[in-house]
Protein backbone atom coordinates (compact mmCIF):
# COMPACT_ATOMS: atom_id res chain seq x y z
CA MET A 1 100.08 80.48 101.12
CA LEU A 2 98.82 84.04 101.70
CA GLU A 3 96.19 84.53 99.06
CA GLY A 4 94.22 88.12 98.40
CA PRO A 5 94.55 91.26 99.47
CA TYR A 6 95.80 89.96 102.79
CA GLY A 7 98.24 88.37 101.17
CA THR A 8 99.32 90.87 99.36
CA LEU A 9 99.87 93.72 101.99
CA LEU A 10 101.79 90.64 104.35
CA THR A 11 104.14 90.04 101.72
CA SER A 12 104.58 93.58 101.06
CA ALA A 13 105.74 94.13 104.60
CA ASP A 14 108.36 91.59 103.86
CA SER A 15 109.38 90.43 107.81
CA ALA A 16 112.61 90.33 108.70
CA LEU A 17 113.85 86.75 110.07
CA VAL A 18 115.14 85.50 113.53
CA VAL A 19 116.30 82.54 115.40
CA VAL A 20 114.38 81.90 118.20
CA THR A 21 116.31 79.68 120.39
CA THR A 22 115.62 78.13 124.09
CA MET A 23 116.22 75.27 126.30
CA ALA A 24 114.21 73.45 128.71
CA GLU A 25 115.04 70.22 131.18
CA GLY A 26 118.33 69.43 128.92
CA GLU A 27 116.46 70.05 125.57
CA SER A 28 117.70 72.97 123.36
CA ALA A 29 115.58 73.95 120.17
CA GLY A 30 115.76 76.63 117.57
CA CYS A 31 113.76 77.94 114.82
CA VAL A 32 113.24 80.35 112.12
CA VAL A 33 110.53 82.96 113.25
CA GLY A 34 109.28 85.48 110.80
CA PHE A 35 106.43 86.96 113.60
CA HIS A 36 108.09 89.25 116.32
CA SER A 37 107.63 92.59 117.59
CA GLN A 38 108.49 94.92 120.46
CA ALA A 39 105.72 94.77 122.84
CA SER A 40 106.91 97.66 125.37
CA MET A 41 108.88 100.05 125.32
CA SER A 42 108.91 100.62 129.34
CA PRO A 43 109.39 98.05 130.69
CA ARG A 44 110.93 96.32 127.75
CA HIS A 45 109.07 93.15 126.14
CA TYR A 46 109.59 91.71 122.79
CA CYS A 47 107.32 89.37 121.98
CA PHE A 48 107.17 85.92 118.97
CA TRP A 49 105.20 83.68 117.98
CA LEU A 50 106.24 79.69 117.58
CA SER A 51 104.69 77.86 115.12
CA LYS A 52 102.47 74.74 117.20
CA ALA A 53 104.09 72.32 114.16
CA ASN A 54 107.90 73.03 115.50
CA HIS A 55 110.07 71.12 118.06
CA THR A 56 111.06 74.84 119.58
CA TYR A 57 107.14 74.95 120.33
CA ARG A 58 107.20 71.84 122.75
CA VAL A 59 110.08 73.07 123.75
CA GLY A 60 109.36 76.91 124.77
CA LEU A 61 105.97 75.76 126.14
CA ARG A 62 108.32 74.62 129.24
CA ALA A 63 111.15 77.44 128.82
CA GLN A 64 111.24 80.36 130.83
CA HIS A 65 114.93 81.94 128.76
CA PHE A 66 115.09 82.83 124.74
CA ALA A 67 117.30 84.05 122.72
CA ILE A 68 116.04 86.16 119.30
CA HIS A 69 119.21 86.20 116.97
CA PHE A 70 118.28 89.01 114.33
CA LEU A 71 119.42 87.11 111.05
CA THR A 72 121.79 89.78 108.40
CA ALA A 73 121.32 89.56 105.04
CA ASP A 74 124.33 87.01 104.65
CA ASP A 75 122.71 84.82 107.09
CA LEU A 76 120.84 82.52 104.91
CA PRO A 77 122.52 79.05 105.42
CA ILE A 78 121.63 80.30 109.32
CA ALA A 79 117.73 80.55 107.90
CA GLU A 80 118.20 77.26 105.97
CA ALA A 81 119.87 75.42 108.82
CA PHE A 82 116.99 76.23 111.18
CA GLY A 83 113.99 76.95 108.85
CA THR A 84 114.18 73.66 106.75
CA ARG A 85 115.12 71.13 109.58
CA THR A 86 113.01 69.97 112.46
CA GLY A 87 114.39 69.87 115.56
CA ASP A 88 112.82 66.01 116.13
CA ASP A 89 115.05 64.35 114.57
CA THR A 90 118.37 66.86 114.09
CA ASP A 91 120.38 68.48 115.87
CA LYS A 92 120.48 71.83 114.61
CA PHE A 93 123.28 73.27 116.85
CA SER A 94 126.08 70.45 115.77
CA PRO A 95 127.46 72.25 113.22
CA LEU A 96 127.72 75.51 114.35
CA GLU A 97 129.50 77.42 117.27
CA VAL A 98 127.55 78.04 120.11
CA GLU A 99 127.63 79.80 123.46
CA THR A 100 125.01 79.07 126.26
CA THR A 101 123.54 81.53 128.62
CA GLU A 102 123.57 80.97 132.46
CA HIS A 103 120.61 79.11 132.03
CA GLY A 104 121.48 77.12 129.40
CA VAL A 105 119.84 79.00 126.08
CA PRO A 106 122.03 78.42 122.99
CA LEU A 107 123.57 81.30 121.59
CA LEU A 108 124.41 81.21 117.93
CA ALA A 109 128.16 82.80 117.79
CA ALA A 110 127.23 83.79 114.10
CA CYS A 111 124.30 85.93 115.17
CA PRO A 112 125.80 88.82 117.40
CA ASN A 113 122.88 90.66 117.04
CA ARG A 114 120.52 89.74 119.57
CA LEU A 115 117.93 90.20 122.78
CA LEU A 116 117.98 87.48 126.30
CA LEU A 117 114.35 87.08 127.23
CA ASP A 118 112.58 86.10 130.57
CA ARG A 119 109.22 84.78 129.45
CA LEU A 120 106.44 86.50 130.97
CA THR A 121 103.08 85.45 128.81
CA LEU A 122 102.06 83.17 126.10
CA LEU A 123 99.07 83.02 124.60
CA ASP A 124 97.54 80.55 122.52
CA ASN A 125 94.19 82.41 120.62
CA GLY A 126 93.34 79.14 118.29
CA GLY A 127 95.39 79.87 115.62
CA ASP A 128 98.30 77.97 114.25
CA HIS A 129 101.17 80.15 116.30
CA VAL A 130 100.90 81.08 119.83
CA CYS A 131 102.34 84.34 121.31
CA LEU A 132 105.31 84.32 123.56
CA THR A 133 106.07 87.47 125.32
CA GLY A 134 109.24 88.12 127.01
CA HIS A 135 111.04 90.78 129.58
CA VAL A 136 114.27 92.21 127.75
CA ASP A 137 117.32 90.62 129.91
CA SER A 138 120.21 91.94 127.79
CA THR A 139 120.65 93.12 124.20
CA HIS A 140 123.80 92.46 122.12
CA CYS A 141 124.21 94.74 118.88
CA GLU A 142 127.27 94.74 116.78
CA GLY A 143 125.64 98.09 114.97
CA SER A 144 123.32 98.21 112.20
CA PHE A 145 122.87 95.79 109.86
CA THR A 146 120.55 94.79 106.55
CA PRO A 147 117.94 92.31 108.23
CA LEU A 148 117.43 88.79 106.33
CA ARG A 149 113.94 89.07 105.11
CA LEU A 150 111.30 86.57 104.20
CA SER A 151 111.26 87.18 100.44
CA ASP A 152 114.97 86.58 100.75
CA ALA A 153 114.55 82.65 102.32
CA ALA A 154 110.78 82.37 101.08
CA HIS A 155 112.43 79.35 98.39
CA LEU A 156 112.92 77.29 101.67
CA THR A 157 111.08 74.45 102.47
CA PRO A 158 110.09 74.37 105.86
CA GLY A 159 110.67 71.49 108.02
CA HIS A 160 107.01 70.91 109.27
CA ASP A 161 103.87 71.83 106.66
CA ASN A 162 102.24 74.39 108.20
CA ASP A 163 98.71 72.13 109.42
CA ASP A 164 101.39 69.76 111.46
CA ARG A 165 100.23 70.12 114.85
CA ALA A 166 101.78 68.77 118.16
CA ILE A 167 98.85 69.41 119.84
CA GLN A 168 95.58 70.08 117.90
CA PRO A 169 93.04 72.85 119.01
């Protein structure tokens, strides 16, 4: 829970939510991400942060390719599916229409606004998330949209608590 002036600033910023999907060694993973940003204009780089508590983090450590699906204001059910369940014991993709890239990365048909990334770096500065930066391999956008914001999904209970860690610092 964010408290004090720090919490006020970040809550007021009200980040847009995305779903990150990936594949490594035949294992698919995906989760809701609130920490993400453009990282370079030329070359085109994008970064996102994965919680160390998530199944997607463990798969992402081994993955080279990722998809960033930008959620629209109508995509709360997708945020719920990827944010409240854990891939440790649930196939989040099974009820959805999913295509795959040439590298096996799952693409959510219901979320056509997306970036495909090739992994460049991973930074672990000891916090509860790691930062992955990727080169933007391709983009797909069906026009402007109103993003689903953190405040729209604040009532959802995550599949893992923030202090759960696959690897303890």
